[in-house]
Each structure stands twice: as C-alpha cells, then as structure tokens.
Amino acid sequence: GILRYSPPQSRTGRSRTRLQRFPRRNKMISEYIFRNTGRYRTAKQVGSRIQQLRST
C-alpha cells in the first residue's frame, strides 16, 4: 500500500521530503490492505507498524 501512495503536490512547488507529513496516508494504506487481503487494520495500527519498520 505504501508503494502505491504518492503524496499530494505541495502548494509552494518545493519537493517533499520523507520527513514531512502526508495527510490520510495511513487511512489510504488501511483501505488498500482491506481491499487486497480482506483483513481490516485501523489507520493507527498501520502508522504504528510503519514506525516500527522505520526504527529497524
């Protein structure tokens, strides 16, 4: 799901970095997981798992 997510273009025209927030990203990934696996994960669960993966 995260590979399919592309953040919206910024209003200032500058490129976005990985550290900036992406609104509703975790919700979009949650919906992607449900569509493809049939298993429901909340946006909070998705965000927690992404944070775990980043720290490893």
PDB file of N, CA and C in Angstrom:
ATOM      1  N   GLY A   1       0.804  -1.192   0.000  1.00  0.00           N
ATOM      2  CA  GLY A   1       0.000   0.000   0.000  1.00  0.00           C
ATOM      3  C   GLY A   1       0.851   1.260   0.000  1.00  0.00           C
ATOM      4  N   ILE A   2       1.916   1.249   0.778  1.00  0.00           N
ATOM      5  CA  ILE A   2       2.753   2.451   0.870  1.00  0.00           C
ATOM      6  C   ILE A   2       3.463   2.725  -0.453  1.00  0.00           C
ATOM      7  N   LEU A   3       3.726   1.675  -1.226  1.00  0.00           N
ATOM      8  CA  LEU A   3       4.389   1.869  -2.516  1.00  0.00           C
ATOM      9  C   LEU A   3       3.470   2.558  -3.515  1.00  0.00           C
ATOM     10  N   ARG A   4       2.157   2.368  -3.373  1.00  0.00           N
ATOM     11  CA  ARG A   4       1.199   2.999  -4.281  1.00  0.00           C
ATOM     12  C   ARG A   4       0.871   4.431  -3.887  1.00  0.00           C
ATOM     13  N   TYR A   5       1.204   4.817  -2.655  1.00  0.00           N
ATOM     14  CA  TYR A   5       0.860   6.148  -2.167  1.00  0.00           C
ATOM     15  C   TYR A   5       1.797   7.188  -2.743  1.00  0.00           C
ATOM     16  N   SER A   6       1.231   8.214  -3.347  1.00  0.00           N
ATOM     17  CA  SER A   6       2.049   9.342  -3.786  1.00  0.00           C
ATOM     18  C   SER A   6       1.496  10.587  -3.110  1.00  0.00           C
ATOM     19  N   PRO A   7       2.322  11.300  -2.370  1.00  0.00           N
ATOM     20  CA  PRO A   7       1.839  12.463  -1.635  1.00  0.00           C
ATOM     21  C   PRO A   7       1.369  13.561  -2.576  1.00  0.00           C
ATOM     22  N   PRO A   8       0.405  14.360  -2.125  1.00  0.00           N
ATOM     23  CA  PRO A   8      -0.065  15.469  -2.958  1.00  0.00           C
ATOM     24  C   PRO A   8       1.038  16.492  -3.192  1.00  0.00           C
ATOM     25  N   GLN A   9       0.971  17.186  -4.308  1.00  0.00           N
ATOM     26  CA  GLN A   9       1.958  18.215  -4.618  1.00  0.00           C
ATOM     27  C   GLN A   9       1.847  19.348  -3.606  1.00  0.00           C
ATOM     28  N   SER A  10       2.981  19.879  -3.200  1.00  0.00           N
ATOM     29  CA  SER A  10       2.957  20.983  -2.244  1.00  0.00           C
ATOM     30  C   SER A  10       2.536  22.265  -2.952  1.00  0.00           C
ATOM     31  N   ARG A  11       1.970  23.157  -2.193  1.00  0.00           N
ATOM     32  CA  ARG A  11       1.498  24.423  -2.765  1.00  0.00           C
ATOM     33  C   ARG A  11       2.644  25.359  -3.106  1.00  0.00           C
ATOM     34  N   THR A  12       3.770  25.180  -2.435  1.00  0.00           N
ATOM     35  CA  THR A  12       4.891  26.090  -2.662  1.00  0.00           C
ATOM     36  C   THR A  12       5.737  25.666  -3.854  1.00  0.00           C
ATOM     37  N   GLY A  13       5.502  24.450  -4.363  1.00  0.00           N
ATOM     38  CA  GLY A  13       6.262  23.991  -5.512  1.00  0.00           C
ATOM     39  C   GLY A  13       7.547  23.280  -5.158  1.00  0.00           C
ATOM     40  N   ARG A  14       7.938  23.324  -3.875  1.00  0.00           N
ATOM     41  CA  ARG A  14       9.154  22.622  -3.463  1.00  0.00           C
ATOM     42  C   ARG A  14       8.877  21.131  -3.362  1.00  0.00           C
ATOM     43  N   SER A  15       9.913  20.329  -3.585  1.00  0.00           N
ATOM     44  CA  SER A  15       9.723  18.885  -3.478  1.00  0.00           C
ATOM     45  C   SER A  15       9.541  18.498  -2.019  1.00  0.00           C
ATOM     46  N   ARG A  16       8.781  17.453  -1.810  1.00  0.00           N
ATOM     47  CA  ARG A  16       8.500  16.984  -0.454  1.00  0.00           C
ATOM     48  C   ARG A  16       9.574  16.009  -0.013  1.00  0.00           C
ATOM     49  N   THR A  17       9.928  16.077   1.236  1.00  0.00           N
ATOM     50  CA  THR A  17      10.894  15.128   1.774  1.00  0.00           C
ATOM     51  C   THR A  17      10.155  14.029   2.519  1.00  0.00           C
ATOM     52  N   ARG A  18      10.853  12.965   2.835  1.00  0.00           N
ATOM     53  CA  ARG A  18      10.239  11.837   3.527  1.00  0.00           C
ATOM     54  C   ARG A  18       9.775  12.208   4.926  1.00  0.00           C
ATOM     55  N   LEU A  19      10.354  13.241   5.510  1.00  0.00           N
ATOM     56  CA  LEU A  19      10.035  13.573   6.891  1.00  0.00           C
ATOM     57  C   LEU A  19       8.763  14.395   7.025  1.00  0.00           C
ATOM     58  N   GLN A  20       8.243  14.910   5.929  1.00  0.00           N
ATOM     59  CA  GLN A  20       7.028  15.702   6.004  1.00  0.00           C
ATOM     60  C   GLN A  20       5.819  14.794   6.161  1.00  0.00           C
ATOM     61  N   ARG A  21       4.752  15.328   6.738  1.00  0.00           N
ATOM     62  CA  ARG A  21       3.534  14.553   6.960  1.00  0.00           C
ATOM     63  C   ARG A  21       2.725  14.447   5.674  1.00  0.00           C
ATOM     64  N   PHE A  22       2.093  13.291   5.499  1.00  0.00           N
ATOM     65  CA  PHE A  22       1.223  13.065   4.351  1.00  0.00           C
ATOM     66  C   PHE A  22      -0.185  12.849   4.891  1.00  0.00           C
ATOM     67  N   PRO A  23      -1.085  13.771   4.661  1.00  0.00           N
ATOM     68  CA  PRO A  23      -2.423  13.651   5.237  1.00  0.00           C
ATOM     69  C   PRO A  23      -3.146  12.393   4.751  1.00  0.00           C
ATOM     70  N   ARG A  24      -3.727  11.673   5.679  1.00  0.00           N
ATOM     71  CA  ARG A  24      -4.546  10.480   5.421  1.00  0.00           C
ATOM     72  C   ARG A  24      -3.783   9.318   4.793  1.00  0.00           C
ATOM     73  N   ARG A  25      -2.462   9.339   4.833  1.00  0.00           N
ATOM     74  CA  ARG A  25      -1.674   8.248   4.251  1.00  0.00           C
ATOM     75  C   ARG A  25      -2.024   6.914   4.899  1.00  0.00           C
ATOM     76  N   ASN A  26      -2.053   6.880   6.233  1.00  0.00           N
ATOM     77  CA  ASN A  26      -2.306   5.624   6.929  1.00  0.00           C
ATOM     78  C   ASN A  26      -3.711   5.098   6.653  1.00  0.00           C
ATOM     79  N   LYS A  27      -4.674   5.985   6.517  1.00  0.00           N
ATOM     80  CA  LYS A  27      -6.043   5.576   6.187  1.00  0.00           C
ATOM     81  C   LYS A  27      -6.081   4.966   4.793  1.00  0.00           C
ATOM     82  N   MET A  28      -5.376   5.574   3.851  1.00  0.00           N
ATOM     83  CA  MET A  28      -5.336   5.054   2.488  1.00  0.00           C
ATOM     84  C   MET A  28      -4.686   3.670   2.468  1.00  0.00           C
ATOM     85  N   ILE A  29      -3.610   3.500   3.219  1.00  0.00           N
ATOM     86  CA  ILE A  29      -2.928   2.204   3.289  1.00  0.00           C
ATOM     87  C   ILE A  29      -3.835   1.176   3.959  1.00  0.00           C
ATOM     88  N   SER A  30      -4.566   1.589   4.989  1.00  0.00           N
ATOM     89  CA  SER A  30      -5.506   0.707   5.676  1.00  0.00           C
ATOM     90  C   SER A  30      -6.569   0.188   4.705  1.00  0.00           C
ATOM     91  N   GLU A  31      -7.107   1.073   3.890  1.00  0.00           N
ATOM     92  CA  GLU A  31      -8.113   0.676   2.899  1.00  0.00           C
ATOM     93  C   GLU A  31      -7.513  -0.248   1.848  1.00  0.00           C
ATOM     94  N   TYR A  32      -6.275  -0.006   1.446  1.00  0.00           N
ATOM     95  CA  TYR A  32      -5.582  -0.858   0.478  1.00  0.00           C
ATOM     96  C   TYR A  32      -5.416  -2.275   1.033  1.00  0.00           C
ATOM     97  N   ILE A  33      -5.006  -2.375   2.294  1.00  0.00           N
ATOM     98  CA  ILE A  33      -4.832  -3.686   2.929  1.00  0.00           C
ATOM     99  C   ILE A  33      -6.164  -4.432   2.962  1.00  0.00           C
ATOM    100  N   PHE A  34      -7.241  -3.738   3.309  1.00  0.00           N
ATOM    101  CA  PHE A  34      -8.553  -4.380   3.372  1.00  0.00           C
ATOM    102  C   PHE A  34      -9.006  -4.876   2.001  1.00  0.00           C
ATOM    103  N   ARG A  35      -8.833  -4.052   0.979  1.00  0.00           N
ATOM    104  CA  ARG A  35      -9.240  -4.452  -0.380  1.00  0.00           C
ATOM    105  C   ARG A  35      -8.466  -5.669  -0.870  1.00  0.00           C
ATOM    106  N   ASN A  36      -7.185  -5.753  -0.541  1.00  0.00           N
ATOM    107  CA  ASN A  36      -6.341  -6.809  -1.091  1.00  0.00           C
ATOM    108  C   ASN A  36      -6.250  -8.062  -0.229  1.00  0.00           C
ATOM    109  N   THR A  37      -6.534  -7.949   1.061  1.00  0.00           N
ATOM    110  CA  THR A  37      -6.412  -9.122   1.930  1.00  0.00           C
ATOM    111  C   THR A  37      -7.718  -9.487   2.620  1.00  0.00           C
ATOM    112  N   GLY A  38      -8.657  -8.544   2.688  1.00  0.00           N
ATOM    113  CA  GLY A  38      -9.899  -8.792   3.414  1.00  0.00           C
ATOM    114  C   GLY A  38      -9.753  -8.611   4.920  1.00  0.00           C
ATOM    115  N   ARG A  39      -8.575  -8.236   5.375  1.00  0.00           N
ATOM    116  CA  ARG A  39      -8.333  -8.011   6.801  1.00  0.00           C
ATOM    117  C   ARG A  39      -8.339  -6.518   7.091  1.00  0.00           C
ATOM    118  N   TYR A  40      -9.080  -6.138   8.125  1.00  0.00           N
ATOM    119  CA  TYR A  40      -9.189  -4.730   8.473  1.00  0.00           C
ATOM    120  C   TYR A  40      -8.082  -4.337   9.436  1.00  0.00           C
ATOM    121  N   ARG A  41      -7.389  -3.264   9.140  1.00  0.00           N
ATOM    122  CA  ARG A  41      -6.391  -2.666  10.020  1.00  0.00           C
ATOM    123  C   ARG A  41      -6.727  -1.185  10.139  1.00  0.00           C
ATOM    124  N   THR A  42      -6.724  -0.677  11.357  1.00  0.00           N
ATOM    125  CA  THR A  42      -7.017   0.744  11.535  1.00  0.00           C
ATOM    126  C   THR A  42      -5.823   1.569  11.064  1.00  0.00           C
ATOM    127  N   ALA A  43      -6.080   2.834  10.806  1.00  0.00           N
ATOM    128  CA  ALA A  43      -5.002   3.736  10.400  1.00  0.00           C
ATOM    129  C   ALA A  43      -3.948   3.815  11.501  1.00  0.00           C
ATOM    130  N   LYS A  44      -4.390   3.736  12.748  1.00  0.00           N
ATOM    131  CA  LYS A  44      -3.461   3.784  13.880  1.00  0.00           C
ATOM    132  C   LYS A  44      -2.549   2.551  13.895  1.00  0.00           C
ATOM    133  N   GLN A  45      -3.112   1.374  13.584  1.00  0.00           N
ATOM    134  CA  GLN A  45      -2.304   0.155  13.516  1.00  0.00           C
ATOM    135  C   GLN A  45      -1.272   0.258  12.398  1.00  0.00           C
ATOM    136  N   VAL A  46      -1.696   0.787  11.261  1.00  0.00           N
ATOM    137  CA  VAL A  46      -0.790   0.947  10.121  1.00  0.00           C
ATOM    138  C   VAL A  46       0.347   1.898  10.489  1.00  0.00           C
ATOM    139  N   GLY A  47       0.017   3.033  11.090  1.00  0.00           N
ATOM    140  CA  GLY A  47       1.032   4.010  11.470  1.00  0.00           C
ATOM    141  C   GLY A  47       2.024   3.447  12.469  1.00  0.00           C
ATOM    142  N   SER A  48       1.523   2.659  13.411  1.00  0.00           N
ATOM    143  CA  SER A  48       2.398   2.055  14.412  1.00  0.00           C
ATOM    144  C   SER A  48       3.374   1.083  13.760  1.00  0.00           C
ATOM    145  N   ARG A  49       2.881   0.291  12.829  1.00  0.00           N
ATOM    146  CA  ARG A  49       3.745  -0.677  12.148  1.00  0.00           C
ATOM    147  C   ARG A  49       4.788   0.025  11.281  1.00  0.00           C
ATOM    148  N   ILE A  50       4.400   1.076  10.596  1.00  0.00           N
ATOM    149  CA  ILE A  50       5.351   1.835   9.776  1.00  0.00           C
ATOM    150  C   ILE A  50       6.446   2.423  10.661  1.00  0.00           C
ATOM    151  N   GLN A  51       6.056   2.924  11.827  1.00  0.00           N
ATOM    152  CA  GLN A  51       7.039   3.486  12.755  1.00  0.00           C
ATOM    153  C   GLN A  51       8.015   2.404  13.227  1.00  0.00           C
ATOM    154  N   GLN A  52       7.501   1.195  13.493  1.00  0.00           N
ATOM    155  CA  GLN A  52       8.372   0.082  13.887  1.00  0.00           C
ATOM    156  C   GLN A  52       9.364  -0.237  12.778  1.00  0.00           C
ATOM    157  N   LEU A  53       8.882  -0.274  11.546  1.00  0.00           N
ATOM    158  CA  LEU A  53       9.746  -0.610  10.419  1.00  0.00           C
ATOM    159  C   LEU A  53      10.817   0.454  10.192  1.00  0.00           C
ATOM    160  N   ARG A  54      10.468   1.712  10.427  1.00  0.00           N
ATOM    161  CA  ARG A  54      11.443   2.792  10.243  1.00  0.00           C
ATOM    162  C   ARG A  54      12.580   2.713  11.245  1.00  0.00           C
ATOM    163  N   SER A  55      12.274   2.269  12.463  1.00  0.00           N
ATOM    164  CA  SER A  55      13.285   2.264  13.520  1.00  0.00           C
ATOM    165  C   SER A  55      14.215   1.056  13.445  1.00  0.00           C
ATOM    166  N   THR A  56      13.948   0.123  12.542  1.00  0.00           N
ATOM    167  CA  THR A  56      14.818  -1.062  12.429  1.00  0.00           C
ATOM    168  C   THR A  56      15.792  -0.924  11.296  1.00  0.00           C
TER     169      THR A  56
END
